[in-house]
Amino acid sequence: MSGGDPRWLSDEVVGLVTMHGKEEVIGPVLQAGAGLSVFRVEGVDTDAFGTFSREIERPGSALDAARAKVAAGFAAQPQARIMVASEGGFGPHPAIPLLPIADELILLVDRVTGLEMTGRDVGPETNFAHRRVSDTGLALDFARTCGFPEHGVLVLGVRGEAPAPDLFCEKTLADETQLAAAVAAAVSLCGGAFLETDMRAHRNPTRRQAIRRAAQDLVRRLASPCPACQRPGFDRVRRIPGRPCSDCGAPTEMALSWVYGCQGCGLQETRQAPGDPWADPGSCPSCNP
């Protein structure tokens, strides 16, 4: 493995496991940043690993799902050396419940060297939203705020306040006429309709941008070699708090340093956190008890 050059696998052909057009986003990033040519693996039903519409629940974590997709890709293309898959998760911010957050993960596996590398993008740049409605007017208002029809919207049945895709599920809505008809059908059947942004990549331009950023993070990690063994992916593994307050000098929860680690040889190094070595007094528990 070549240290510092993300193109150490240059000219390799990479399989991408997707049903929803992710090759259009991930392919150009891996080609430009790492010299990898991406093709979509045919014949793998990625919905089997979980659907955003809840018909099939995702077992395990996003990484578990990405690994399962990669394994299915290798099974479908046994001659391939490298396989890539991505998985996203959406929900309330852990500290700010009313703020939605997106967590996008992309996984690359090289089965010749045993390398498993991830890239991630986590942040509030998402249009993820949902609402229970009982009439088409409210449904159309919600859909417009989500960017429909450029951004897709799902219409599901309901049991009480909870979504019930087993009762009704429509996710191929192209315009407001189709949306209104689907909502009317769900209300007639269930007494209400559960609307949610369609988070599938081909129906959500905002999510595609997050997938692109995760792919760029993957390229960055491929270009970060271990100082000892040169394995790619020498990156942050643990944050050490304690940056001193600029006013009183007391330790705060802001990062004082980061521990960087290697998946291969296990080397770890502690490096000072970048930026101002002093914390803003606003984050100091002594100045703001």
Foldseek 3Di string as FASTA:
>chain_A
DAAQALQPVAPAEEEEEDDAPLCVQLQVLCCVLHNYHYDYQPDDDLCCQDFPLGPHHHPDDQVVSFVVSQVVSCVSVVVHQKYKYKGKDKAADPVGRVQIKIKIKMWMAGVVVRDIFMFIDIGRQFLKDKDKFQALVVVVVSCVVSVPPLWWKKKAADDPGHGDNVQPIDTPDHDSVSVRVRQVVRCVRHVIIMMITRLRCNRGVSVSVRSNNRSNRRSVQSSHADPPPGHGRFAFDDFDFFQAAPPPGGTFRHGQWTWTADPPPTDIDIGGDDDDSHDYLVRDVVSPD
